[in-house]
N, C-alpha and C. Protein backbone atom coordinates (compact mmCIF):
# COMPACT_ATOMS: atom_id res chain seq x y z
N MET A 1 52.22 104.51 97.95
CA MET A 1 51.26 103.80 97.98
C MET A 1 51.13 102.58 96.97
N ALA A 2 50.07 101.83 97.41
CA ALA A 2 50.38 100.85 96.41
C ALA A 2 49.24 101.09 95.28
N HIS A 3 49.29 100.61 93.88
CA HIS A 3 48.41 100.47 92.86
C HIS A 3 48.42 99.61 92.21
N LYS A 4 47.33 98.66 92.41
CA LYS A 4 47.31 97.50 91.39
C LYS A 4 47.07 97.94 90.15
N THR A 5 47.66 97.31 89.16
CA THR A 5 47.13 97.39 87.61
C THR A 5 47.63 96.31 86.79
N MET A 6 47.25 96.76 85.51
CA MET A 6 47.92 95.56 84.24
C MET A 6 49.07 96.27 83.67
N VAL A 7 50.13 95.42 83.02
CA VAL A 7 50.80 95.70 81.90
C VAL A 7 50.61 94.75 80.87
N ILE A 8 50.08 95.19 79.69
CA ILE A 8 49.98 94.18 78.51
C ILE A 8 51.41 94.22 77.46
N ASP A 9 51.81 93.08 77.17
CA ASP A 9 52.98 93.15 76.49
C ASP A 9 52.39 92.82 74.85
N LEU A 10 52.23 93.92 74.22
CA LEU A 10 51.75 93.86 72.69
C LEU A 10 52.76 93.06 71.62
N ASP A 11 53.84 92.77 71.89
CA ASP A 11 55.09 92.18 71.22
C ASP A 11 54.65 90.76 71.29
N ARG A 12 53.84 90.35 72.30
CA ARG A 12 53.74 88.74 72.41
C ARG A 12 52.26 88.38 72.00
N CYS A 13 51.19 89.51 72.10
CA CYS A 13 49.64 89.27 71.97
C CYS A 13 49.61 88.83 70.67
N THR A 14 48.72 87.56 70.68
CA THR A 14 48.51 87.28 69.27
C THR A 14 47.30 87.22 68.99
N GLY A 15 46.44 87.78 69.61
CA GLY A 15 44.87 88.37 69.04
C GLY A 15 44.38 87.08 69.10
N CYS A 16 44.35 86.36 70.19
CA CYS A 16 43.64 84.67 70.19
C CYS A 16 42.35 84.81 70.85
N TYR A 17 42.06 86.20 71.55
CA TYR A 17 40.64 86.38 72.15
C TYR A 17 40.53 85.61 73.38
N ALA A 18 41.19 84.89 74.04
CA ALA A 18 41.76 83.85 75.00
C ALA A 18 41.04 84.78 76.40
N CYS A 19 41.79 86.25 76.37
CA CYS A 19 41.33 86.88 77.33
C CYS A 19 39.92 87.38 77.51
N GLU A 20 39.39 87.74 76.33
CA GLU A 20 37.93 87.97 76.30
C GLU A 20 37.25 86.88 76.52
N VAL A 21 37.24 85.63 76.20
CA VAL A 21 36.53 84.73 76.53
C VAL A 21 36.38 84.35 78.20
N ALA A 22 37.60 84.08 78.58
CA ALA A 22 37.93 84.34 80.10
C ALA A 22 37.41 85.27 81.13
N CYS A 23 37.41 86.44 80.52
CA CYS A 23 36.76 87.62 81.18
C CYS A 23 35.01 87.39 81.46
N LYS A 24 34.36 86.97 80.06
CA LYS A 24 33.26 86.70 80.09
C LYS A 24 32.64 85.42 81.12
N GLN A 25 33.55 84.50 80.83
CA GLN A 25 33.07 83.30 81.73
C GLN A 25 33.02 83.59 83.15
N GLU A 26 34.24 83.96 83.50
CA GLU A 26 34.61 84.38 84.84
C GLU A 26 33.96 85.26 85.68
N ASN A 27 33.24 86.16 84.90
CA ASN A 27 32.60 87.21 85.54
C ASN A 27 31.08 87.38 85.22
N ASN A 28 30.77 86.18 84.33
CA ASN A 28 29.33 86.06 83.93
C ASN A 28 28.66 87.45 83.12
N VAL A 29 29.67 88.06 82.15
CA VAL A 29 29.37 89.30 81.25
C VAL A 29 28.20 88.72 80.24
N ALA A 30 27.24 89.81 80.66
CA ALA A 30 25.91 89.61 79.59
C ALA A 30 26.13 89.60 78.37
N LEU A 31 25.28 88.73 77.53
CA LEU A 31 25.58 88.35 76.13
C LEU A 31 25.63 89.91 75.22
N GLY A 32 26.59 90.20 74.42
CA GLY A 32 26.49 91.52 73.84
C GLY A 32 27.34 92.50 74.44
N MET A 33 27.94 92.20 76.17
CA MET A 33 28.76 92.96 76.47
C MET A 33 30.02 92.45 76.73
N ARG A 34 31.20 93.20 76.82
CA ARG A 34 32.43 92.73 76.84
C ARG A 34 33.18 93.86 77.69
N TRP A 35 33.87 93.18 78.70
CA TRP A 35 34.73 94.15 79.78
C TRP A 35 36.10 94.44 79.32
N ASN A 36 36.65 93.22 78.55
CA ASN A 36 37.51 93.15 77.91
C ASN A 36 37.62 93.11 76.40
N LYS A 37 38.24 93.92 75.42
CA LYS A 37 37.93 93.50 74.02
C LYS A 37 39.32 94.02 73.66
N VAL A 38 39.48 93.14 72.24
CA VAL A 38 40.68 92.98 71.42
C VAL A 38 40.59 93.45 70.16
N PHE A 39 41.19 94.53 69.94
CA PHE A 39 41.08 95.32 68.54
C PHE A 39 42.39 94.84 67.61
N THR A 40 42.18 94.71 66.41
CA THR A 40 43.09 94.68 65.56
C THR A 40 43.42 96.11 64.83
N ILE A 41 44.98 96.59 65.26
CA ILE A 41 45.67 97.89 64.59
C ILE A 41 46.28 97.61 63.72
N GLY A 42 45.75 98.18 62.52
CA GLY A 42 46.86 98.06 61.26
C GLY A 42 45.75 97.23 60.46
N PRO A 43 46.47 96.47 59.42
CA PRO A 43 47.88 96.61 59.00
C PRO A 43 48.11 97.98 58.60
N MET A 44 49.33 98.26 58.74
CA MET A 44 49.91 99.94 58.46
C MET A 44 51.16 99.50 57.36
N GLY A 45 51.45 100.63 56.92
CA GLY A 45 52.38 100.48 55.54
C GLY A 45 52.17 99.95 54.32
N LYS A 46 52.99 99.35 53.49
CA LYS A 46 53.21 99.27 52.28
C LYS A 46 53.58 97.81 52.31
N PHE A 47 52.88 96.91 51.53
CA PHE A 47 53.83 95.60 51.13
C PHE A 47 55.24 95.80 50.40
N PRO A 48 56.14 95.08 50.78
CA PRO A 48 55.86 93.73 51.95
C PRO A 48 56.44 94.43 53.31
N ASN A 49 56.55 96.14 53.70
CA ASN A 49 56.64 96.41 55.03
C ASN A 49 55.31 96.58 55.60
N ILE A 50 54.55 95.68 55.99
CA ILE A 50 53.50 95.73 56.83
C ILE A 50 53.48 95.32 58.00
N LYS A 51 52.88 96.45 58.92
CA LYS A 51 53.09 95.94 60.70
C LYS A 51 51.65 96.24 60.85
N MET A 52 51.50 95.34 62.20
CA MET A 52 50.11 95.45 62.78
C MET A 52 50.65 95.00 64.26
N TYR A 53 49.43 95.43 64.93
CA TYR A 53 49.59 94.67 66.32
C TYR A 53 48.14 94.43 66.90
N TYR A 54 47.71 93.55 67.73
CA TYR A 54 46.65 93.68 68.67
C TYR A 54 46.56 94.32 69.88
N PHE A 55 45.46 94.86 70.05
CA PHE A 55 45.31 96.01 70.93
C PHE A 55 44.37 95.77 72.26
N PRO A 56 44.52 94.88 73.27
CA PRO A 56 43.39 94.42 74.23
C PRO A 56 42.89 95.66 75.01
N HIS A 57 41.84 96.26 74.93
CA HIS A 57 41.44 97.36 75.88
C HIS A 57 40.63 96.98 77.10
N ILE A 58 40.97 97.41 78.16
CA ILE A 58 40.26 97.35 79.55
C ILE A 58 40.26 98.36 80.09
N CYS A 59 39.57 98.95 81.31
CA CYS A 59 39.39 99.90 82.34
C CYS A 59 41.02 100.07 82.46
N GLN A 60 41.22 101.45 82.39
CA GLN A 60 42.62 101.84 82.46
C GLN A 60 43.00 102.07 83.96
N ASN A 61 42.10 101.89 84.71
CA ASN A 61 42.36 101.78 86.24
C ASN A 61 42.90 103.09 86.98
N CYS A 62 42.42 104.22 86.37
CA CYS A 62 43.16 105.60 86.40
C CYS A 62 43.29 105.97 87.89
N LYS A 63 44.71 106.95 88.18
CA LYS A 63 44.70 107.22 89.32
C LYS A 63 43.91 108.47 89.93
N ASP A 64 43.69 108.99 89.11
CA ASP A 64 42.74 110.35 89.08
C ASP A 64 41.40 110.25 88.35
N ALA A 65 40.64 108.71 88.59
CA ALA A 65 39.67 108.82 87.63
C ALA A 65 38.33 109.55 87.95
N PRO A 66 38.04 109.91 86.35
CA PRO A 66 37.00 111.00 86.60
C PRO A 66 35.70 110.01 86.91
N CYS A 67 35.59 109.01 86.53
CA CYS A 67 34.18 107.95 86.54
C CYS A 67 34.05 108.09 88.37
N VAL A 68 34.85 108.12 88.89
CA VAL A 68 34.77 108.08 90.37
C VAL A 68 34.10 109.33 91.16
N SER A 69 34.81 110.47 90.62
CA SER A 69 34.19 112.07 91.10
C SER A 69 33.13 112.53 90.28
N VAL A 70 32.57 111.98 89.29
CA VAL A 70 31.10 112.12 89.10
C VAL A 70 30.04 111.40 89.63
N CYS A 71 30.21 110.11 89.74
CA CYS A 71 29.36 109.16 90.50
C CYS A 71 28.54 109.94 91.75
N PRO A 72 27.12 110.45 91.50
CA PRO A 72 26.45 111.13 92.51
C PRO A 72 26.16 110.05 93.63
N THR A 73 26.46 108.52 93.50
CA THR A 73 26.12 108.10 94.66
C THR A 73 27.07 107.18 94.99
N HIS A 74 28.41 107.61 94.96
CA HIS A 74 29.38 106.82 95.18
C HIS A 74 29.55 105.53 94.99
N ALA A 75 28.70 105.06 93.78
CA ALA A 75 28.87 103.70 93.36
C ALA A 75 30.17 103.24 92.50
N SER A 76 30.72 104.49 92.06
CA SER A 76 32.05 104.21 91.77
C SER A 76 33.22 104.70 92.65
N TYR A 77 34.06 103.76 92.98
CA TYR A 77 34.98 104.28 93.96
C TYR A 77 36.19 103.37 93.63
N GLN A 78 37.25 103.94 94.28
CA GLN A 78 38.61 103.44 94.38
C GLN A 78 39.21 102.89 95.64
N THR A 79 39.65 101.56 95.68
CA THR A 79 40.23 101.02 96.77
C THR A 79 41.33 101.46 97.38
N LYS A 80 42.11 100.77 98.49
CA LYS A 80 43.05 101.30 99.23
C LYS A 80 44.33 101.33 98.28
N ASP A 81 44.18 100.19 97.31
CA ASP A 81 45.32 99.81 96.28
C ASP A 81 45.27 100.29 95.11
N GLY A 82 44.23 101.53 94.92
CA GLY A 82 44.00 101.95 93.60
C GLY A 82 43.19 101.42 92.81
N GLN A 83 42.49 100.43 92.74
CA GLN A 83 41.69 99.85 91.86
C GLN A 83 40.51 100.45 91.99
N VAL A 84 39.80 100.61 90.51
CA VAL A 84 38.39 101.23 90.26
C VAL A 84 37.46 100.35 90.28
N LEU A 85 36.38 100.30 91.01
CA LEU A 85 35.48 99.48 91.10
C LEU A 85 34.17 100.11 91.06
N ILE A 86 33.03 99.37 90.93
CA ILE A 86 31.50 99.63 91.00
C ILE A 86 31.01 98.78 92.33
N ASP A 87 30.10 99.42 93.17
CA ASP A 87 29.46 98.74 94.13
C ASP A 87 27.82 98.88 93.12
N LYS A 88 27.42 97.93 92.63
CA LYS A 88 26.22 98.00 91.98
C LYS A 88 25.15 97.89 92.94
N LYS A 89 25.05 97.76 94.18
CA LYS A 89 23.94 98.16 94.58
C LYS A 89 23.65 99.51 94.94
N LYS A 90 24.49 100.48 94.65
CA LYS A 90 24.38 101.79 94.78
C LYS A 90 24.25 102.66 93.33
N CYS A 91 24.39 101.76 92.21
CA CYS A 91 24.65 102.41 90.98
C CYS A 91 22.92 102.55 90.54
N ILE A 92 22.57 103.68 90.52
CA ILE A 92 21.22 104.14 89.85
C ILE A 92 21.36 104.08 88.34
N GLY A 93 22.43 103.65 87.60
CA GLY A 93 22.38 103.79 86.12
C GLY A 93 21.98 104.88 85.58
N CYS A 94 22.62 106.02 86.04
CA CYS A 94 22.52 107.64 85.28
C CYS A 94 23.61 107.41 84.30
N LYS A 95 24.77 106.67 84.08
CA LYS A 95 25.66 106.84 83.04
C LYS A 95 26.64 107.90 83.01
N LEU A 96 26.55 108.67 84.01
CA LEU A 96 27.72 109.89 84.08
C LEU A 96 29.24 109.36 84.28
N CYS A 97 29.19 108.31 84.93
CA CYS A 97 30.64 107.25 84.83
C CYS A 97 30.90 107.08 83.37
N MET A 98 29.65 106.74 82.51
CA MET A 98 30.18 106.21 81.16
C MET A 98 30.62 107.72 80.24
N LYS A 99 30.13 108.60 80.41
CA LYS A 99 30.34 109.93 79.91
C LYS A 99 31.81 110.44 80.45
N ALA A 100 32.07 109.88 81.71
CA ALA A 100 33.24 110.65 82.19
C ALA A 100 34.61 109.79 81.80
N CYS A 101 34.32 108.80 81.13
CA CYS A 101 35.50 107.99 81.10
C CYS A 101 36.02 108.02 79.81
N PRO A 102 37.22 108.64 79.74
CA PRO A 102 38.03 108.90 78.16
C PRO A 102 38.26 107.79 77.31
N TYR A 103 37.99 106.96 77.94
CA TYR A 103 38.20 105.64 77.25
C TYR A 103 37.09 104.28 76.50
N GLY A 104 35.97 104.84 76.89
CA GLY A 104 34.61 104.08 76.72
C GLY A 104 34.99 102.65 77.45
N ALA A 105 35.66 102.47 78.49
CA ALA A 105 35.75 101.20 79.22
C ALA A 105 34.59 100.80 80.08
N ARG A 106 33.43 101.27 80.19
CA ARG A 106 32.28 101.21 80.88
C ARG A 106 31.01 100.81 79.73
N SER A 107 30.11 99.92 80.59
CA SER A 107 29.04 99.65 79.68
C SER A 107 27.82 99.58 80.61
N PHE A 108 26.77 99.85 79.64
CA PHE A 108 25.45 99.75 80.54
C PHE A 108 24.51 98.29 80.44
N ASN A 109 24.19 97.68 81.61
CA ASN A 109 23.84 96.51 81.39
C ASN A 109 22.22 96.70 81.16
N PRO A 110 21.70 96.40 80.21
CA PRO A 110 20.06 96.79 80.21
C PRO A 110 18.92 95.73 81.04
N VAL A 111 19.64 94.76 81.23
CA VAL A 111 18.95 93.90 82.18
C VAL A 111 18.86 94.29 83.65
N THR A 112 20.25 94.60 84.38
CA THR A 112 20.28 94.75 85.75
C THR A 112 20.02 96.47 85.89
N LYS A 113 19.97 97.45 84.64
CA LYS A 113 19.98 98.58 84.64
C LYS A 113 21.32 99.27 85.67
N VAL A 114 22.36 98.60 85.73
CA VAL A 114 23.56 99.27 86.22
C VAL A 114 24.86 99.07 85.06
N VAL A 115 25.52 99.91 85.75
CA VAL A 115 26.95 100.19 84.65
C VAL A 115 27.70 99.29 85.28
N GLU A 116 28.61 98.46 84.14
CA GLU A 116 29.56 97.26 84.61
C GLU A 116 31.05 97.96 84.01
N LYS A 117 31.97 96.96 84.60
CA LYS A 117 33.30 97.48 83.64
C LYS A 117 34.27 96.30 84.19
N CYS A 118 35.44 96.12 83.74
CA CYS A 118 36.74 95.44 84.39
C CYS A 118 36.64 95.79 85.77
N THR A 119 36.97 94.45 86.60
CA THR A 119 37.35 94.85 87.90
C THR A 119 38.84 94.13 88.51
N LEU A 120 39.43 93.95 87.40
CA LEU A 120 40.71 93.08 87.39
C LEU A 120 40.29 91.87 88.52
N CYS A 121 39.30 91.25 88.19
CA CYS A 121 38.68 90.13 89.07
C CYS A 121 39.00 90.28 90.42
N HIS A 122 38.51 91.25 90.98
CA HIS A 122 38.89 91.52 92.44
C HIS A 122 38.40 90.28 93.26
N HIS A 123 37.54 89.57 92.97
CA HIS A 123 37.02 88.45 93.76
C HIS A 123 38.20 87.30 93.61
N LEU A 124 38.87 87.19 92.70
CA LEU A 124 39.73 86.38 92.47
C LEU A 124 40.88 86.65 93.64
N GLN A 125 41.33 87.97 93.44
CA GLN A 125 42.44 88.48 94.43
C GLN A 125 42.25 88.41 95.70
N GLU A 126 40.85 88.47 96.16
CA GLU A 126 40.63 88.20 97.36
C GLU A 126 40.97 86.95 98.20
N VAL A 127 41.03 86.09 96.98
CA VAL A 127 41.79 84.79 97.41
C VAL A 127 43.01 84.21 97.14
N GLY A 128 43.59 85.32 96.85
CA GLY A 128 45.05 85.46 96.33
C GLY A 128 45.59 85.01 94.96
N ASP A 129 44.37 85.06 94.19
CA ASP A 129 44.65 84.56 92.82
C ASP A 129 44.68 85.80 91.63
N LYS A 130 45.06 85.27 90.47
CA LYS A 130 45.19 86.16 89.46
C LYS A 130 43.82 86.66 88.66
N PRO A 131 43.60 87.99 87.94
CA PRO A 131 42.81 88.30 86.85
C PRO A 131 42.68 87.06 85.96
N ALA A 132 41.28 86.55 85.86
CA ALA A 132 41.04 85.34 84.74
C ALA A 132 41.87 85.46 83.49
N CYS A 133 42.01 86.88 82.89
CA CYS A 133 42.70 87.10 81.64
C CYS A 133 44.09 86.65 81.79
N VAL A 134 44.65 86.96 83.03
CA VAL A 134 46.30 86.93 83.23
C VAL A 134 46.52 85.32 82.98
N LYS A 135 45.73 84.66 83.82
CA LYS A 135 45.85 83.25 83.78
C LYS A 135 45.44 82.60 82.21
N ALA A 136 44.62 83.38 81.92
CA ALA A 136 44.35 82.52 80.32
C ALA A 136 45.00 82.81 79.23
N CYS A 137 45.92 83.74 79.33
CA CYS A 137 46.66 84.28 78.15
C CYS A 137 47.81 83.05 77.95
N CYS A 138 47.62 82.55 76.77
CA CYS A 138 48.75 81.55 76.28
C CYS A 138 49.82 82.19 75.98
N ALA A 139 49.96 83.53 75.56
CA ALA A 139 51.28 84.06 75.15
C ALA A 139 51.86 84.66 76.46
N HIS A 140 51.38 84.63 77.41
CA HIS A 140 52.12 85.23 78.55
C HIS A 140 52.35 86.68 78.62
N ALA A 141 51.56 87.33 77.82
CA ALA A 141 51.32 88.63 77.63
C ALA A 141 50.77 89.78 78.66
N ARG A 142 50.20 88.91 79.47
CA ARG A 142 49.49 90.02 80.61
C ARG A 142 50.26 89.69 82.02
N PHE A 143 50.47 90.89 82.53
CA PHE A 143 51.19 91.02 84.00
C PHE A 143 50.31 91.86 84.81
N PHE A 144 50.12 91.30 86.08
CA PHE A 144 49.11 92.13 87.27
C PHE A 144 50.06 92.21 88.47
N GLY A 145 49.89 93.40 89.11
CA GLY A 145 50.82 93.72 90.34
C GLY A 145 50.37 95.02 90.77
N ASP A 146 51.31 95.51 91.56
CA ASP A 146 51.46 96.58 92.36
C ASP A 146 52.50 97.66 91.43
N ILE A 147 51.98 98.63 90.75
CA ILE A 147 52.96 99.25 89.66
C ILE A 147 53.73 100.35 90.65
N ASP A 148 53.62 100.52 91.76
CA ASP A 148 54.58 101.12 92.66
C ASP A 148 55.30 100.29 93.38
N ASP A 149 55.22 99.07 93.10
CA ASP A 149 56.30 98.20 93.84
C ASP A 149 57.49 97.45 92.76
N PRO A 150 58.48 98.08 93.02
CA PRO A 150 59.69 97.80 91.96
C PRO A 150 60.10 96.39 91.77
N ASN A 151 59.33 95.40 92.97
CA ASN A 151 59.48 94.09 92.54
C ASN A 151 58.18 93.50 91.86
N SER A 152 57.33 93.80 91.96
CA SER A 152 56.23 93.18 91.29
C SER A 152 56.18 93.07 89.68
N ASP A 153 55.53 92.01 89.18
CA ASP A 153 55.75 91.50 87.74
C ASP A 153 55.46 92.79 86.69
N VAL A 154 54.52 93.59 87.19
CA VAL A 154 54.17 94.69 85.95
C VAL A 154 55.23 95.64 86.32
N SER A 155 56.00 95.98 87.23
CA SER A 155 57.14 96.69 87.32
C SER A 155 58.33 96.29 86.45
N LYS A 156 58.65 94.95 86.80
CA LYS A 156 59.61 94.08 86.18
C LYS A 156 59.47 94.30 84.55
N ALA A 157 58.49 93.86 84.16
CA ALA A 157 58.09 93.86 82.91
C ALA A 157 58.15 95.59 82.23
N ILE A 158 57.87 96.39 82.76
CA ILE A 158 58.23 97.86 82.50
C ILE A 158 59.75 98.08 82.34
N LYS A 159 60.06 97.80 83.48
CA LYS A 159 61.92 98.07 83.48
C LYS A 159 62.78 97.11 82.28
N ALA A 160 61.88 95.91 82.15
CA ALA A 160 62.72 95.12 81.04
C ALA A 160 62.42 95.57 79.34
N ALA A 161 61.35 96.31 79.48
CA ALA A 161 60.95 96.68 77.83
C ALA A 161 61.85 98.01 77.50
N GLY A 162 62.04 98.91 78.70
CA GLY A 162 62.72 100.06 78.45
C GLY A 162 61.44 101.41 78.01
N PRO A 163 61.87 102.41 78.74
CA PRO A 163 60.97 103.72 78.83
C PRO A 163 60.20 103.81 77.18
N GLU A 164 61.25 103.72 76.28
CA GLU A 164 60.90 104.06 74.83
C GLU A 164 59.71 102.81 74.57
N ASN A 165 59.82 101.81 74.96
CA ASN A 165 58.87 100.54 74.38
C ASN A 165 57.44 100.66 75.25
N VAL A 166 57.47 101.68 76.02
CA VAL A 166 55.96 101.38 77.15
C VAL A 166 55.22 102.55 76.69
N HIS A 167 53.99 102.28 76.69
CA HIS A 167 53.09 103.45 76.16
C HIS A 167 51.90 103.41 77.29
N THR A 168 50.90 104.27 77.08
CA THR A 168 49.87 104.22 78.00
C THR A 168 48.73 105.11 77.15
N LEU A 169 47.63 105.08 77.10
CA LEU A 169 46.48 105.54 76.18
C LEU A 169 46.58 107.06 76.71
N PRO A 170 46.17 107.92 75.94
CA PRO A 170 46.16 109.60 76.14
C PRO A 170 45.79 109.90 77.76
N ASP A 171 46.68 110.81 78.16
CA ASP A 171 46.19 111.21 79.73
C ASP A 171 45.66 112.67 79.62
N SER A 172 44.83 112.66 79.92
CA SER A 172 43.86 114.11 79.90
C SER A 172 44.11 114.44 81.48
N GLY A 173 44.67 114.02 82.31
CA GLY A 173 44.72 114.51 83.76
C GLY A 173 44.24 113.65 84.58
N ASN A 174 43.71 112.33 84.29
CA ASN A 174 43.17 110.91 84.74
C ASN A 174 44.09 109.84 85.22
N HIS A 175 45.62 110.17 84.63
CA HIS A 175 46.75 109.19 84.92
C HIS A 175 46.32 107.88 84.62
N PRO A 176 46.15 107.44 83.27
CA PRO A 176 46.03 105.69 83.40
C PRO A 176 46.95 105.14 83.95
N THR A 177 46.81 103.98 84.48
CA THR A 177 47.93 103.33 84.93
C THR A 177 48.11 101.96 84.12
N VAL A 178 47.23 101.57 83.19
CA VAL A 178 47.60 100.28 82.49
C VAL A 178 48.55 100.82 81.27
N HIS A 179 49.69 100.02 81.31
CA HIS A 179 50.56 100.18 80.56
C HIS A 179 50.72 99.11 79.32
N TYR A 180 51.24 99.78 77.98
CA TYR A 180 51.67 98.51 77.17
C TYR A 180 52.82 98.58 76.63
N ILE A 181 53.38 97.32 76.16
CA ILE A 181 54.54 97.19 75.76
C ILE A 181 54.62 97.11 73.99
N LEU A 182 55.29 97.64 73.34
CA LEU A 182 55.38 97.50 71.86
C LEU A 182 56.63 98.18 71.56
N HIS A 183 57.43 97.34 70.96
CA HIS A 183 58.89 97.56 70.29
C HIS A 183 58.48 98.24 68.55
N LYS A 184 59.16 99.01 68.51
CA LYS A 184 58.95 99.67 66.66
C LYS A 184 59.28 98.66 65.86
N LYS A 185 60.01 97.72 66.29
CA LYS A 185 60.26 96.50 65.24
C LYS A 185 59.24 95.68 64.95
N TYR A 186 58.21 95.78 65.87
CA TYR A 186 57.11 95.32 65.49
C TYR A 186 55.80 96.10 64.92
N ALA A 187 55.90 97.18 65.39
CA ALA A 187 54.84 98.07 64.94
C ALA A 187 55.24 99.63 65.48
N ASP A 188 54.35 100.58 64.93
CA ASP A 188 54.33 101.99 65.81
C ASP A 188 53.12 102.05 66.60
N TRP A 189 53.34 102.54 67.52
CA TRP A 189 51.99 102.78 68.65
C TRP A 189 51.51 103.80 68.08
N GLN A 190 50.25 103.82 68.17
CA GLN A 190 49.24 104.58 67.43
C GLN A 190 48.67 105.28 68.72
N LYS A 191 48.26 106.37 68.53
CA LYS A 191 48.04 107.58 69.85
C LYS A 191 46.61 107.14 69.60
N ASN A 192 45.86 107.15 68.62
CA ASN A 192 44.10 107.15 68.95
C ASN A 192 43.99 105.47 68.73
N HIS A 193 43.45 105.03 69.74
CA HIS A 193 43.02 103.59 69.53
C HIS A 193 41.28 103.60 69.75
N PRO A 194 40.65 102.77 69.26
CA PRO A 194 39.36 102.29 69.18
C PRO A 194 39.11 102.24 70.72
N LYS A 195 37.80 102.85 70.82
CA LYS A 195 37.02 102.91 72.50
C LYS A 195 36.16 101.32 72.27
N MET A 196 36.42 101.28 73.83
CA MET A 196 35.57 100.13 74.00
C MET A 196 33.90 99.61 73.61
N ASN A 197 33.25 100.74 73.89
CA ASN A 197 31.79 100.77 73.53
C ASN A 197 31.39 101.86 72.98
N ALA A 198 30.70 101.75 72.07
CA ALA A 198 29.89 102.80 71.25
C ALA A 198 29.04 103.58 71.82
N GLU A 199 28.33 103.08 72.87
CA GLU A 199 27.48 103.86 73.49
C GLU A 199 28.04 104.70 74.67
N HIS A 200 28.11 105.92 74.93
CA HIS A 200 29.09 106.94 75.54
C HIS A 200 28.23 107.96 75.93
């Protein structure tokens, strides 16, 4: 089965925040909200042996998304190609999906009274385009495609990096599909990363 998702190469990410800006602009994300957020991890170690990396946090597009299973109105749903989306017309703002998400990747819009999140720019995909953050990344650190297709950009990036350099956020049975590439020579992958939103 197809499962569209993203691979982010942290070896390349410069922390320029272009992905954050592109996301907000393309999706008209409300002031004070971010569907894509870049954290600075580190510095770690002692001078002169200092390591750090930038960590872009988005919806992890889980294969068994708990946000979908808890939604009482089926506003949160999964497409045939595995993408987790929200039908805002069905959302009643109960925030159960926010509580169910292990990564804090959802936020509540106080104006529209609905929950929002990264959509992998599904509206752009429908016209054959890539997500805005992928196009805006000046370091070419973002890859988008079908992780179940060995010829996709994401699968090729994972294969080229080698399994020892490919990481995911902790899996509690939800099976996150977003993968991060980080080689040890640049920094040590941290198991516990900040969550995107304080409200949970």
